[in-house]
Each structure stands twice: as structure tokens, then as C-alpha cells.
Amino acid sequence: MGIFINFSNHPSKNWGEKQIGKALEYGEIVDIPFPAVDPSADLSEIERLAEQCVEKIMGYAPDAVMCQGEFSLSYSVISK
């Protein structure tokens, strides 16, 4: 069975039945909370945080990842 990562601040336990059903098509749902991003963070701080997030996410060897959160960190995580 695969893994669906929910990388957001929207716990899957609060999702609707249809959304949960679609995510389960990829496998077990694993919630990873999206971290707070300091508004004064510079690019190097964002990149460092993104590396940490990607390492955690990829540790699950997911089949799919939903990434929703602060735009600069989301972009960096998705790019990696």
C-alpha cells in the first residue's frame, strides 16, 4: 500500500468523505504539519527549512504529496 502525504495545516481527520476517499486511492494518509514561516526569513532560511521538510516527507517514500502553505516555502519544497 502506498503513502499520501498531507503537508498542510489542514488535518485529514477534518476532510470530507470524498476528499479522504480520493487521497486513500494513493494509500495511507500521513499528516505532516506545515511549519510556521518567519515573515522576515531570507532565501537561505527558506531553503534550509525546505530541505528539512523535504527530508521528512521523502522519508516516507510517498506516492503523492499535497503541499499547501506559505507560498515561498511551498514553492521551494515542490521544486525540490
N, C-alpha and C. Protein backbone atom coordinates (compact mmCIF):
# COMPACT_ATOMS: atom_id res chain seq x y z
N MET A 1 0.85 -1.19 0.00
CA MET A 1 0.00 0.00 0.00
C MET A 1 0.89 1.24 0.00
N GLY A 2 0.47 2.25 -0.69
CA GLY A 2 1.24 3.48 -0.82
C GLY A 2 1.01 4.46 0.32
N ILE A 3 1.60 5.64 0.13
CA ILE A 3 1.51 6.71 1.12
C ILE A 3 1.08 8.00 0.43
N PHE A 4 0.12 8.68 1.01
CA PHE A 4 -0.31 10.02 0.57
C PHE A 4 0.05 10.98 1.69
N ILE A 5 0.95 11.91 1.42
CA ILE A 5 1.35 12.90 2.42
C ILE A 5 0.47 14.13 2.32
N ASN A 6 -0.10 14.50 3.43
CA ASN A 6 -0.84 15.75 3.55
C ASN A 6 0.07 16.74 4.27
N PHE A 7 0.81 17.55 3.49
CA PHE A 7 1.74 18.53 4.05
C PHE A 7 1.02 19.87 4.07
N SER A 8 0.27 20.08 5.13
CA SER A 8 -0.54 21.30 5.26
C SER A 8 -0.92 21.47 6.73
N ASN A 9 -1.67 22.50 7.01
CA ASN A 9 -2.21 22.69 8.36
C ASN A 9 -3.70 22.37 8.39
N HIS A 10 -4.09 21.46 7.51
CA HIS A 10 -5.49 21.02 7.42
C HIS A 10 -5.52 19.51 7.68
N PRO A 11 -5.62 19.08 8.94
CA PRO A 11 -5.58 17.66 9.27
C PRO A 11 -6.61 16.85 8.48
N SER A 12 -6.18 15.71 8.03
CA SER A 12 -7.07 14.88 7.20
C SER A 12 -8.31 14.44 7.98
N LYS A 13 -8.24 14.39 9.30
CA LYS A 13 -9.42 14.00 10.09
C LYS A 13 -10.57 14.99 9.91
N ASN A 14 -10.27 16.21 9.43
CA ASN A 14 -11.30 17.23 9.22
C ASN A 14 -11.77 17.29 7.77
N TRP A 15 -11.21 16.46 6.90
CA TRP A 15 -11.60 16.47 5.49
C TRP A 15 -12.97 15.82 5.32
N GLY A 16 -13.58 16.12 4.18
CA GLY A 16 -14.83 15.49 3.81
C GLY A 16 -14.59 14.07 3.33
N GLU A 17 -15.65 13.30 3.31
CA GLU A 17 -15.58 11.90 2.90
C GLU A 17 -15.01 11.72 1.49
N LYS A 18 -15.42 12.57 0.57
CA LYS A 18 -14.95 12.46 -0.81
C LYS A 18 -13.44 12.73 -0.90
N GLN A 19 -12.96 13.76 -0.21
CA GLN A 19 -11.53 14.11 -0.24
C GLN A 19 -10.70 12.99 0.38
N ILE A 20 -11.16 12.44 1.48
CA ILE A 20 -10.45 11.32 2.11
C ILE A 20 -10.41 10.12 1.17
N GLY A 21 -11.53 9.84 0.54
CA GLY A 21 -11.60 8.71 -0.39
C GLY A 21 -10.62 8.85 -1.54
N LYS A 22 -10.53 10.04 -2.10
CA LYS A 22 -9.59 10.27 -3.20
C LYS A 22 -8.15 10.14 -2.75
N ALA A 23 -7.82 10.66 -1.57
CA ALA A 23 -6.45 10.54 -1.05
C ALA A 23 -6.10 9.09 -0.79
N LEU A 24 -7.05 8.32 -0.27
CA LEU A 24 -6.80 6.91 0.03
C LEU A 24 -6.53 6.08 -1.22
N GLU A 25 -6.92 6.59 -2.39
CA GLU A 25 -6.60 5.89 -3.64
C GLU A 25 -5.09 5.79 -3.84
N TYR A 26 -4.34 6.71 -3.22
CA TYR A 26 -2.88 6.68 -3.31
C TYR A 26 -2.26 5.86 -2.19
N GLY A 27 -3.00 5.64 -1.12
CA GLY A 27 -2.50 4.87 0.01
C GLY A 27 -2.86 5.52 1.33
N GLU A 28 -2.20 5.06 2.37
CA GLU A 28 -2.41 5.59 3.71
C GLU A 28 -2.13 7.09 3.75
N ILE A 29 -2.98 7.84 4.45
CA ILE A 29 -2.80 9.29 4.59
C ILE A 29 -1.92 9.57 5.81
N VAL A 30 -0.83 10.32 5.58
CA VAL A 30 0.06 10.73 6.66
C VAL A 30 0.05 12.25 6.71
N ASP A 31 -0.35 12.80 7.84
CA ASP A 31 -0.38 14.25 8.03
C ASP A 31 0.99 14.73 8.52
N ILE A 32 1.57 15.68 7.81
CA ILE A 32 2.79 16.36 8.26
C ILE A 32 2.44 17.84 8.33
N PRO A 33 2.42 18.42 9.54
CA PRO A 33 2.04 19.83 9.66
C PRO A 33 3.01 20.75 8.91
N PHE A 34 2.45 21.71 8.21
CA PHE A 34 3.25 22.73 7.52
C PHE A 34 3.80 23.68 8.57
N PRO A 35 5.10 23.93 8.58
CA PRO A 35 5.67 24.77 9.63
C PRO A 35 5.35 26.26 9.46
N ALA A 36 5.42 26.96 10.58
CA ALA A 36 5.30 28.42 10.53
C ALA A 36 6.54 28.98 9.85
N VAL A 37 6.36 30.01 9.05
CA VAL A 37 7.47 30.65 8.34
C VAL A 37 7.58 32.09 8.84
N ASP A 38 8.75 32.41 9.33
CA ASP A 38 9.00 33.77 9.83
C ASP A 38 8.90 34.74 8.65
N PRO A 39 8.06 35.76 8.75
CA PRO A 39 7.90 36.72 7.65
C PRO A 39 9.20 37.44 7.29
N SER A 40 10.14 37.48 8.21
CA SER A 40 11.40 38.15 7.92
C SER A 40 12.48 37.17 7.42
N ALA A 41 12.11 35.91 7.22
CA ALA A 41 13.09 34.90 6.76
C ALA A 41 13.62 35.27 5.38
N ASP A 42 14.94 35.11 5.23
CA ASP A 42 15.53 35.36 3.91
C ASP A 42 15.56 34.05 3.12
N LEU A 43 16.04 34.13 1.88
CA LEU A 43 16.03 32.98 0.99
C LEU A 43 16.80 31.79 1.57
N SER A 44 17.93 32.04 2.19
CA SER A 44 18.72 30.93 2.73
C SER A 44 17.96 30.22 3.87
N GLU A 45 17.24 30.98 4.67
CA GLU A 45 16.44 30.37 5.74
C GLU A 45 15.30 29.54 5.18
N ILE A 46 14.66 30.06 4.15
CA ILE A 46 13.57 29.32 3.48
C ILE A 46 14.11 28.03 2.88
N GLU A 47 15.25 28.11 2.21
CA GLU A 47 15.85 26.93 1.59
C GLU A 47 16.24 25.88 2.63
N ARG A 48 16.78 26.31 3.75
CA ARG A 48 17.16 25.40 4.83
C ARG A 48 15.93 24.70 5.39
N LEU A 49 14.87 25.45 5.62
CA LEU A 49 13.63 24.88 6.12
C LEU A 49 13.03 23.91 5.09
N ALA A 50 13.09 24.29 3.82
CA ALA A 50 12.57 23.43 2.75
C ALA A 50 13.32 22.10 2.72
N GLU A 51 14.64 22.14 2.87
CA GLU A 51 15.44 20.91 2.88
C GLU A 51 14.99 19.99 4.02
N GLN A 52 14.76 20.57 5.19
CA GLN A 52 14.30 19.77 6.33
C GLN A 52 12.94 19.14 6.05
N CYS A 53 12.05 19.92 5.46
CA CYS A 53 10.71 19.42 5.15
C CYS A 53 10.77 18.31 4.11
N VAL A 54 11.55 18.52 3.07
CA VAL A 54 11.66 17.52 2.00
C VAL A 54 12.25 16.22 2.56
N GLU A 55 13.24 16.34 3.41
CA GLU A 55 13.85 15.13 4.01
C GLU A 55 12.81 14.35 4.79
N LYS A 56 12.00 15.05 5.57
CA LYS A 56 10.96 14.38 6.35
C LYS A 56 9.92 13.74 5.44
N ILE A 57 9.45 14.49 4.45
CA ILE A 57 8.44 13.98 3.52
C ILE A 57 8.96 12.77 2.77
N MET A 58 10.15 12.88 2.20
CA MET A 58 10.68 11.81 1.36
C MET A 58 11.07 10.58 2.18
N GLY A 59 11.23 10.75 3.49
CA GLY A 59 11.48 9.61 4.36
C GLY A 59 10.36 8.59 4.33
N TYR A 60 9.19 9.02 3.93
CA TYR A 60 8.03 8.12 3.81
C TYR A 60 7.96 7.45 2.43
N ALA A 61 8.79 7.88 1.49
CA ALA A 61 8.73 7.39 0.10
C ALA A 61 7.29 7.45 -0.42
N PRO A 62 6.71 8.66 -0.40
CA PRO A 62 5.29 8.78 -0.73
C PRO A 62 4.99 8.56 -2.21
N ASP A 63 3.74 8.16 -2.45
CA ASP A 63 3.24 8.04 -3.81
C ASP A 63 2.67 9.36 -4.29
N ALA A 64 2.22 10.20 -3.35
CA ALA A 64 1.66 11.51 -3.68
C ALA A 64 1.83 12.43 -2.48
N VAL A 65 1.98 13.73 -2.77
CA VAL A 65 2.12 14.73 -1.72
C VAL A 65 1.21 15.91 -2.05
N MET A 66 0.40 16.32 -1.08
CA MET A 66 -0.36 17.55 -1.21
C MET A 66 0.38 18.58 -0.36
N CYS A 67 0.82 19.67 -0.96
CA CYS A 67 1.58 20.71 -0.28
C CYS A 67 0.79 22.01 -0.33
N GLN A 68 0.37 22.49 0.85
CA GLN A 68 -0.37 23.74 0.94
C GLN A 68 0.15 24.53 2.13
N GLY A 69 0.56 25.75 1.87
CA GLY A 69 1.03 26.60 2.96
C GLY A 69 1.64 27.88 2.41
N GLU A 70 2.45 28.52 3.22
CA GLU A 70 3.09 29.77 2.85
C GLU A 70 3.80 29.60 1.50
N PHE A 71 3.62 30.58 0.62
CA PHE A 71 3.99 30.41 -0.79
C PHE A 71 5.47 30.18 -1.05
N SER A 72 6.35 30.92 -0.40
CA SER A 72 7.78 30.75 -0.72
C SER A 72 8.28 29.39 -0.27
N LEU A 73 7.85 28.91 0.89
CA LEU A 73 8.26 27.59 1.34
C LEU A 73 7.61 26.51 0.47
N SER A 74 6.34 26.68 0.15
CA SER A 74 5.68 25.70 -0.73
C SER A 74 6.42 25.57 -2.06
N TYR A 75 6.76 26.69 -2.65
CA TYR A 75 7.48 26.69 -3.93
C TYR A 75 8.81 25.96 -3.81
N SER A 76 9.53 26.23 -2.75
CA SER A 76 10.84 25.62 -2.56
C SER A 76 10.71 24.11 -2.33
N VAL A 77 9.76 23.70 -1.53
CA VAL A 77 9.55 22.27 -1.27
C VAL A 77 9.15 21.57 -2.57
N ILE A 78 8.21 22.11 -3.29
CA ILE A 78 7.75 21.50 -4.53
C ILE A 78 8.87 21.42 -5.55
N SER A 79 9.69 22.46 -5.63
CA SER A 79 10.81 22.48 -6.57
C SER A 79 11.84 21.40 -6.26
N LYS A 80 11.99 21.09 -4.99
CA LYS A 80 12.97 20.09 -4.59
C LYS A 80 12.43 18.70 -4.78
